[in-house]
Amino acid sequence: MELNQKNWRKLLGLGMVLILFYWGLENHSLLGKTCSVLLGLIFPFILGGCMAFIVNVPMRGIEKLLFSAQTGKKRKMARGISLLLTFLLVISVIFVVAFLILPELGRSLGTLAETVPQFVSRTAAWAAEMTTKHPQISQWLSTLEINWSNILGQTAALIQSWLSAFLGSTLNIAAGVFSGVVTFFLAFVFSIYLLLDKEKLGGQVKMVLHAWVPRWADKILGVSGLAAKTFSSFLSGQCAEAIILGFLFFVAMTILRFPYALMISVLIAFTALIPLFGAFIGCFVGAFLILMVSPMKAFWFILLFLLIQQLEGNLIYPRVVGSSVGLPAIWVLVAVTLGGNTLGIAGMLLSIPLCSVLYTLFRQATKQRLKQFEEKTGEKGENATG
């Protein structure tokens, strides 16, 4: 390699990268703390950006439906009205779900609290009956040497330590709640600014990219546009899949005369927004509510849930969500499994659109290479990417 000025710059840059990498390895604890502080500072803005991206999907639909012909100042006013309608829609959905679920859940917990004393009294009566029928049990109990004063002292010390820990944790919880409220408020305000001026901000980002990285600007914008389109389609497909799943449960539970059919169906549809496994949360709550009415029906409800879940997870979900993001059904299952095993719920939410973006980029690159191969050899390359 000829050591001209351009190559010297490359070697100098590579040397600086290696030095920084070595310094990071030697000072990993300091680097971790610094990154943690910086992440804490910018986290409200990251959260606001995520909120703006999610809210933009229904807001864009409302804006196209109601105000597609508006321009100029009326267009800006239409944006504000669309944003307000979107927030009202989201709040209404949350309110309806809470209104349907929380009262029934509270009544079920009250029923459970009423049955506990009856269970204790029945248990005490059974124990007395067993002692009467089998006197050797009472004789064996009388031979046991129990130091009640020692037990009471240890119990009092344990309760005191729990109270101290509870008071200390209460202050930490209060501080955490206050910090969370402030963070959420900042993120909410930031998301509103992003949504109201998204075209202007997008134009500024394009100008910065073309000014500072002109060689990579078009590629970065292309990948960003593909990612935004894929994530938006994923959110739409996930909502459609949740509605389908809730409708299936409502129809099946109504035909089989299960109690709380509407409430449990809404709950399962709401929790199904978490890919594939979120509906299990609704199943747990629904089985608990039905258990308070009839244990046998709760058992049959769990069997019904497993049946519909298999149908939804292997047939409906890969086709509805997979088709919305352009990802084949088999890769949807692979993406959700790998994402859930590595990053939990967050991995499930991000794995499908991320894999869809990578799949699309890989397919485009493969088609381009096949085209180059055909031009060089004059042979027909086999398109294995669909």
Protein backbone atom coordinates (compact mmCIF):
# COMPACT_ATOMS: atom_id res chain seq x y z
CA MET A 1 0.00 0.00 0.00
CA GLU A 2 1.38 3.38 -1.00
CA LEU A 3 1.83 5.67 2.03
CA ASN A 4 0.38 8.83 0.56
CA GLN A 5 -1.46 11.53 2.51
CA LYS A 6 -4.84 9.79 2.23
CA ASN A 7 -3.49 6.49 3.53
CA TRP A 8 -1.66 8.26 6.37
CA ARG A 9 -5.00 9.75 7.45
CA LYS A 10 -6.61 6.31 7.40
CA LEU A 11 -3.80 4.83 9.50
CA LEU A 12 -3.97 7.76 11.93
CA GLY A 13 -7.73 7.31 12.28
CA LEU A 14 -7.34 3.57 12.83
CA GLY A 15 -4.68 4.23 15.47
CA MET A 16 -6.95 6.68 17.31
CA VAL A 17 -9.79 4.14 17.28
CA LEU A 18 -7.51 1.43 18.71
CA ILE A 19 -6.25 3.80 21.42
CA LEU A 20 -9.79 4.75 22.41
CA PHE A 21 -10.81 1.08 22.42
CA TYR A 22 -7.88 0.17 24.68
CA TRP A 23 -8.69 3.07 27.01
CA GLY A 24 -12.32 1.91 27.19
CA LEU A 25 -11.21 -1.60 28.18
CA GLU A 26 -8.89 -0.25 30.88
CA ASN A 27 -11.52 2.16 32.27
CA HIS A 28 -14.70 0.18 31.66
CA SER A 29 -16.23 1.07 35.05
CA LEU A 30 -15.75 4.82 34.48
CA LEU A 31 -17.02 4.46 30.92
CA GLY A 32 -20.09 2.56 32.15
CA LYS A 33 -20.91 5.24 34.74
CA THR A 34 -20.47 7.99 32.17
CA CYS A 35 -22.74 6.23 29.69
CA SER A 36 -25.31 5.67 32.44
CA VAL A 37 -25.33 9.38 33.34
CA LEU A 38 -25.60 10.42 29.69
CA LEU A 39 -28.41 7.90 29.10
CA GLY A 40 -30.27 9.29 32.11
CA LEU A 41 -29.98 12.80 30.71
CA ILE A 42 -31.25 11.96 27.24
CA PHE A 43 -33.75 9.25 28.26
CA PRO A 44 -36.76 11.65 28.39
CA PHE A 45 -36.05 12.65 24.80
CA ILE A 46 -35.63 9.03 23.68
CA LEU A 47 -38.93 8.16 25.38
CA GLY A 48 -40.57 11.21 23.79
CA GLY A 49 -39.35 10.13 20.38
CA CYS A 50 -40.79 6.63 20.88
CA MET A 51 -44.11 8.11 22.05
CA ALA A 52 -44.21 10.44 19.04
CA PHE A 53 -43.51 7.57 16.65
CA ILE A 54 -46.32 5.42 18.11
CA VAL A 55 -48.86 8.26 18.30
CA ASN A 56 -47.97 9.35 14.76
CA VAL A 57 -49.46 6.13 13.31
CA PRO A 58 -53.11 6.79 14.33
CA MET A 59 -52.64 10.58 14.04
CA ARG A 60 -51.58 10.23 10.41
CA GLY A 61 -54.66 8.11 9.69
CA ILE A 62 -56.99 10.65 11.32
CA GLU A 63 -55.31 13.51 9.49
CA LYS A 64 -55.69 11.80 6.10
CA LEU A 65 -59.29 10.85 6.83
CA LEU A 66 -60.53 14.25 8.04
CA PHE A 67 -58.13 16.93 6.82
CA SER A 68 -56.45 15.63 3.66
CA ALA A 69 -57.51 18.68 1.59
CA GLN A 70 -56.25 21.35 4.04
CA THR A 71 -53.16 23.45 3.23
CA GLY A 72 -51.18 26.34 4.75
CA LYS A 73 -52.31 27.60 8.15
CA LYS A 74 -55.39 25.38 8.04
CA ARG A 75 -53.06 22.40 7.64
CA LYS A 76 -51.21 23.35 10.81
CA MET A 77 -54.50 23.75 12.67
CA ALA A 78 -55.64 20.37 11.31
CA ARG A 79 -52.42 18.82 12.69
CA GLY A 80 -53.23 20.11 16.17
CA ILE A 81 -56.83 18.85 15.99
CA SER A 82 -55.65 15.44 14.74
CA LEU A 83 -53.15 15.20 17.58
CA LEU A 84 -55.83 16.10 20.13
CA LEU A 85 -58.24 13.52 18.68
CA THR A 86 -55.49 10.87 18.78
CA PHE A 87 -54.75 11.47 22.46
CA LEU A 88 -58.48 11.41 23.23
CA LEU A 89 -58.77 8.11 21.36
CA VAL A 90 -55.88 6.54 23.29
CA ILE A 91 -57.23 7.78 26.63
CA SER A 92 -60.71 6.50 25.74
CA VAL A 93 -59.38 3.02 24.95
CA ILE A 94 -57.47 2.88 28.24
CA PHE A 95 -60.52 4.17 30.14
CA VAL A 96 -62.83 1.57 28.55
CA VAL A 97 -60.43 -1.26 29.34
CA ALA A 98 -60.02 -0.07 32.93
CA PHE A 99 -63.79 0.45 33.32
CA LEU A 100 -64.50 -3.09 32.15
CA ILE A 101 -61.73 -4.85 34.09
CA LEU A 102 -61.04 -3.07 37.39
CA PRO A 103 -64.58 -3.22 38.90
CA GLU A 104 -64.93 -6.95 38.20
CA LEU A 105 -61.43 -7.61 39.47
CA GLY A 106 -62.21 -5.65 42.65
CA ARG A 107 -65.44 -7.60 43.20
CA SER A 108 -63.60 -10.88 42.69
CA LEU A 109 -60.94 -9.90 45.23
CA GLY A 110 -63.73 -8.93 47.65
CA THR A 111 -65.37 -12.33 47.13
CA LEU A 112 -62.02 -13.99 47.75
CA ALA A 113 -61.56 -11.98 50.97
CA GLU A 114 -65.01 -13.11 52.15
CA THR A 115 -64.27 -16.77 51.45
CA VAL A 116 -60.94 -16.79 53.32
CA PRO A 117 -62.52 -16.64 56.85
CA GLN A 118 -64.93 -19.41 55.85
CA PHE A 119 -61.99 -21.50 54.67
CA VAL A 120 -60.14 -20.88 57.95
CA SER A 121 -63.19 -21.84 60.04
CA ARG A 122 -63.74 -25.00 58.00
CA THR A 123 -60.07 -25.89 58.39
CA ALA A 124 -60.26 -25.33 62.17
CA ALA A 125 -63.41 -27.49 62.41
CA TRP A 126 -61.72 -30.22 60.39
CA ALA A 127 -58.66 -30.09 62.65
CA ALA A 128 -60.87 -30.34 65.77
CA GLU A 129 -62.75 -33.29 64.27
CA MET A 130 -59.50 -35.06 63.40
CA THR A 131 -58.20 -34.48 66.93
CA THR A 132 -61.41 -35.96 68.41
CA LYS A 133 -61.32 -39.01 66.15
CA HIS A 134 -57.59 -39.56 66.60
CA PRO A 135 -56.56 -38.68 70.18
CA GLN A 136 -52.99 -39.79 69.48
CA ILE A 137 -52.56 -36.60 67.41
CA SER A 138 -53.30 -34.38 70.44
CA GLN A 139 -50.99 -36.53 72.59
CA TRP A 140 -48.21 -36.12 70.01
CA LEU A 141 -48.77 -32.37 69.90
CA SER A 142 -48.58 -32.16 73.71
CA THR A 143 -45.16 -33.82 73.67
CA LEU A 144 -43.74 -31.12 71.44
CA GLU A 145 -41.61 -28.59 73.29
CA ILE A 146 -42.18 -25.18 71.78
CA ASN A 147 -40.42 -22.11 73.17
CA TRP A 148 -43.19 -19.57 72.51
CA SER A 149 -41.27 -16.64 74.07
CA ASN A 150 -38.33 -17.25 71.75
CA ILE A 151 -40.65 -17.50 68.74
CA LEU A 152 -42.45 -14.28 69.70
CA GLY A 153 -39.14 -12.47 70.18
CA GLN A 154 -37.83 -13.56 66.80
CA THR A 155 -41.15 -12.63 65.17
CA ALA A 156 -41.06 -9.16 66.73
CA ALA A 157 -37.46 -8.61 65.57
CA LEU A 158 -38.38 -9.79 62.08
CA ILE A 159 -41.39 -7.43 61.91
CA GLN A 160 -39.23 -4.55 63.14
CA SER A 161 -36.63 -5.19 60.42
CA TRP A 162 -39.40 -5.40 57.82
CA LEU A 163 -40.85 -2.08 58.98
CA SER A 164 -37.45 -0.40 58.79
CA ALA A 165 -36.86 -1.77 55.32
CA PHE A 166 -40.39 -0.74 54.28
CA LEU A 167 -39.91 2.85 55.49
CA GLY A 168 -36.59 3.10 53.68
CA SER A 169 -38.00 1.60 50.50
CA THR A 170 -41.05 3.87 50.73
CA LEU A 171 -38.81 6.93 50.43
CA ASN A 172 -36.98 5.36 47.50
CA ILE A 173 -40.28 4.44 45.84
CA ALA A 174 -41.63 7.97 46.35
CA ALA A 175 -38.48 9.46 44.83
CA GLY A 176 -38.67 6.99 41.94
CA VAL A 177 -42.34 7.79 41.30
CA PHE A 178 -41.64 11.53 41.33
CA SER A 179 -38.70 11.08 38.95
CA GLY A 180 -40.84 8.90 36.68
CA VAL A 181 -43.64 11.47 36.58
CA VAL A 182 -41.18 14.26 35.67
CA THR A 183 -39.57 12.08 33.00
CA PHE A 184 -42.94 11.16 31.52
CA PHE A 185 -44.08 14.80 31.47
CA LEU A 186 -40.89 15.94 29.69
CA ALA A 187 -41.20 13.07 27.19
CA PHE A 188 -44.87 13.89 26.59
CA VAL A 189 -44.14 17.58 25.90
CA PHE A 190 -41.20 16.66 23.65
CA SER A 191 -43.37 14.21 21.68
CA ILE A 192 -45.97 16.95 21.08
CA TYR A 193 -43.29 19.26 19.66
CA LEU A 194 -42.01 16.45 17.42
CA LEU A 195 -45.48 15.65 16.09
CA LEU A 196 -46.47 19.26 15.42
CA ASP A 197 -43.26 20.07 13.51
CA LYS A 198 -42.26 16.69 12.10
CA GLU A 199 -41.93 17.90 8.48
CA LYS A 200 -39.72 20.82 9.49
CA LEU A 201 -37.54 18.63 11.70
CA GLY A 202 -37.28 16.02 8.95
CA GLY A 203 -36.10 18.66 6.49
CA GLN A 204 -33.47 19.89 8.95
CA VAL A 205 -32.16 16.35 9.47
CA LYS A 206 -31.82 15.90 5.70
CA MET A 207 -29.92 19.20 5.43
CA VAL A 208 -27.49 18.17 8.20
CA LEU A 209 -26.87 14.76 6.62
CA HIS A 210 -26.24 16.20 3.13
CA ALA A 211 -23.96 18.87 4.63
CA TRP A 212 -21.80 16.60 6.81
CA VAL A 213 -22.01 13.11 5.29
CA PRO A 214 -23.01 13.66 1.65
CA ARG A 215 -21.73 10.24 0.53
CA TRP A 216 -23.88 8.39 3.07
CA ALA A 217 -26.85 10.76 3.28
CA ASP A 218 -29.09 9.05 0.72
CA LYS A 219 -28.35 5.58 2.10
CA ILE A 220 -29.03 6.67 5.69
CA LEU A 221 -32.29 8.35 4.66
CA GLY A 222 -33.33 5.29 2.65
CA VAL A 223 -32.73 2.88 5.54
CA SER A 224 -34.42 5.27 7.99
CA GLY A 225 -37.48 5.57 5.74
CA LEU A 226 -37.66 1.79 5.37
CA ALA A 227 -37.37 1.32 9.14
CA ALA A 228 -40.09 3.93 9.84
CA LYS A 229 -42.43 2.35 7.30
CA THR A 230 -41.79 -1.14 8.69
CA PHE A 231 -42.32 -0.14 12.32
CA SER A 232 -45.55 1.70 11.41
CA SER A 233 -46.84 -1.35 9.53
CA PHE A 234 -45.89 -3.54 12.48
CA LEU A 235 -47.91 -1.40 14.89
CA SER A 236 -50.92 -1.48 12.56
CA GLY A 237 -50.64 -5.23 12.10
CA GLN A 238 -50.25 -5.81 15.84
CA CYS A 239 -53.41 -3.82 16.58
CA ALA A 240 -55.34 -5.71 13.87
CA GLU A 241 -54.15 -9.04 15.28
CA ALA A 242 -55.19 -8.04 18.82
CA ILE A 243 -58.69 -7.10 17.61
CA ILE A 244 -59.03 -10.44 15.76
CA LEU A 245 -57.92 -12.37 18.84
CA GLY A 246 -60.33 -10.50 21.13
CA PHE A 247 -63.20 -11.11 18.69
CA LEU A 248 -62.42 -14.85 18.56
CA PHE A 249 -62.47 -15.09 22.35
CA PHE A 250 -65.72 -13.12 22.61
CA VAL A 251 -67.50 -15.35 20.08
CA ALA A 252 -66.21 -18.59 21.63
CA MET A 253 -66.93 -17.54 25.22
CA THR A 254 -70.40 -16.31 24.31
CA ILE A 255 -71.29 -19.57 22.54
CA LEU A 256 -69.95 -21.67 25.44
CA ARG A 257 -71.68 -19.39 28.01
CA PHE A 258 -68.57 -18.42 29.98
CA PRO A 259 -68.97 -15.57 32.48
CA TYR A 260 -67.30 -12.17 31.88
CA ALA A 261 -67.08 -12.86 28.12
CA LEU A 262 -66.86 -9.20 27.01
CA MET A 263 -64.50 -8.10 29.79
CA ILE A 264 -62.06 -11.00 29.37
CA SER A 265 -62.08 -10.64 25.58
CA VAL A 266 -61.21 -6.93 25.85
CA LEU A 267 -58.47 -7.70 28.37
CA ILE A 268 -56.94 -10.40 26.16
CA ALA A 269 -57.09 -8.09 23.12
CA PHE A 270 -55.38 -5.31 25.11
CA THR A 271 -52.58 -7.53 26.47
CA ALA A 272 -52.16 -9.19 23.04
CA LEU A 273 -50.41 -6.00 21.88
CA ILE A 274 -47.33 -7.75 23.30
CA PRO A 275 -46.44 -10.21 20.49
CA LEU A 276 -47.49 -13.88 20.84
CA PHE A 277 -47.11 -14.16 24.63
CA GLY A 278 -48.92 -11.06 25.93
CA ALA A 279 -52.33 -12.75 25.83
CA PHE A 280 -51.21 -15.12 28.60
CA ILE A 281 -51.51 -12.19 31.03
CA GLY A 282 -55.17 -11.84 30.06
CA CYS A 283 -55.59 -15.61 30.38
CA PHE A 284 -54.29 -15.56 33.97
CA VAL A 285 -56.63 -12.75 35.04
CA GLY A 286 -59.58 -14.25 33.15
CA ALA A 287 -59.06 -17.70 34.67
CA PHE A 288 -58.89 -16.13 38.13
CA LEU A 289 -62.18 -14.26 37.61
CA ILE A 290 -63.97 -17.36 36.27
CA LEU A 291 -62.54 -19.42 39.14
CA MET A 292 -64.50 -17.27 41.58
CA VAL A 293 -67.69 -18.35 39.75
CA SER A 294 -66.97 -21.94 38.76
CA PRO A 295 -63.65 -23.83 39.07
CA MET A 296 -64.73 -26.27 36.33
CA LYS A 297 -65.46 -23.42 33.89
CA ALA A 298 -62.06 -21.93 34.72
CA PHE A 299 -60.47 -25.24 33.70
CA TRP A 300 -62.40 -25.30 30.41
CA PHE A 301 -61.50 -21.64 29.81
CA ILE A 302 -57.79 -22.48 30.07
CA LEU A 303 -58.25 -25.28 27.53
CA LEU A 304 -60.13 -22.88 25.23
CA PHE A 305 -57.35 -20.32 25.59
CA LEU A 306 -54.64 -22.84 24.70
CA LEU A 307 -56.62 -23.92 21.63
CA ILE A 308 -57.19 -20.37 20.34
CA GLN A 309 -53.64 -19.38 21.24
CA GLN A 310 -52.24 -22.19 19.11
CA LEU A 311 -54.47 -21.13 16.22
CA GLU A 312 -53.47 -17.48 16.65
CA GLY A 313 -49.76 -18.03 17.24
CA ASN A 314 -49.16 -20.43 14.35
CA LEU A 315 -51.66 -19.24 11.74
CA ILE A 316 -53.18 -15.80 12.32
CA TYR A 317 -50.26 -13.88 13.86
CA PRO A 318 -47.53 -14.80 11.34
CA ARG A 319 -49.86 -14.06 8.41
CA VAL A 320 -51.39 -10.80 9.70
CA VAL A 321 -48.27 -9.24 11.26
CA GLY A 322 -45.84 -10.92 8.88
CA SER A 323 -47.70 -9.68 5.81
CA SER A 324 -47.95 -6.17 7.25
CA VAL A 325 -44.16 -5.89 7.61
CA GLY A 326 -43.27 -7.96 4.54
CA LEU A 327 -41.69 -10.76 6.59
CA PRO A 328 -42.48 -14.43 5.88
CA ALA A 329 -44.37 -16.30 8.61
CA ILE A 330 -41.47 -18.58 9.53
CA TRP A 331 -39.16 -15.61 10.16
CA VAL A 332 -41.80 -13.95 12.34
CA LEU A 333 -41.73 -16.95 14.67
CA VAL A 334 -37.92 -17.01 14.64
CA ALA A 335 -37.71 -13.26 15.33
CA VAL A 336 -40.14 -13.36 18.26
CA THR A 337 -38.44 -16.39 19.81
CA LEU A 338 -34.93 -14.95 19.55
CA GLY A 339 -36.03 -11.47 20.65
CA GLY A 340 -37.90 -12.82 23.68
CA ASN A 341 -34.99 -15.00 24.76
CA THR A 342 -32.47 -12.16 24.55
CA LEU A 343 -34.32 -8.99 25.62
CA GLY A 344 -37.66 -10.20 27.03
CA ILE A 345 -40.79 -8.22 26.19
CA ALA A 346 -38.81 -5.36 24.64
CA GLY A 347 -37.07 -7.90 22.40
CA MET A 348 -40.43 -9.30 21.25
CA LEU A 349 -41.66 -5.82 20.35
CA LEU A 350 -38.52 -4.83 18.45
CA SER A 351 -37.46 -8.14 16.87
CA ILE A 352 -40.15 -8.37 14.16
CA PRO A 353 -39.77 -4.88 12.59
CA LEU A 354 -35.99 -5.01 13.01
CA CYS A 355 -35.76 -8.39 11.30
CA SER A 356 -38.10 -7.11 8.59
CA VAL A 357 -35.76 -4.19 7.87
CA LEU A 358 -32.73 -6.49 7.77
CA TYR A 359 -34.62 -8.98 5.59
CA THR A 360 -35.61 -6.26 3.11
CA LEU A 361 -32.08 -4.83 2.94
CA PHE A 362 -30.59 -8.29 2.48
CA ARG A 363 -33.13 -9.12 -0.24
CA GLN A 364 -32.36 -5.87 -2.09
CA ALA A 365 -28.61 -6.46 -1.85
CA THR A 366 -29.03 -10.06 -3.06
CA LYS A 367 -31.15 -8.99 -6.04
CA GLN A 368 -28.55 -6.36 -6.93
CA ARG A 369 -25.74 -8.92 -6.81
CA LEU A 370 -27.77 -11.36 -8.93
CA LYS A 371 -28.36 -8.62 -11.48
CA GLN A 372 -24.62 -7.89 -11.61
CA PHE A 373 -23.95 -11.62 -11.98
CA GLU A 374 -26.40 -11.83 -14.91
CA GLU A 375 -24.80 -8.82 -16.60
CA LYS A 376 -21.29 -10.31 -16.29
CA THR A 377 -22.01 -13.91 -17.25
CA GLY A 378 -25.16 -13.54 -19.31
CA GLU A 379 -26.73 -16.33 -17.23
CA LYS A 380 -30.01 -16.20 -15.33
CA GLY A 381 -29.34 -16.07 -11.58
CA GLU A 382 -31.70 -17.94 -9.34
CA ASN A 383 -33.74 -15.55 -7.20
CA ALA A 384 -33.93 -17.33 -3.87
CA THR A 385 -35.21 -14.36 -1.91
CA GLY A 386 -38.76 -14.31 -3.25
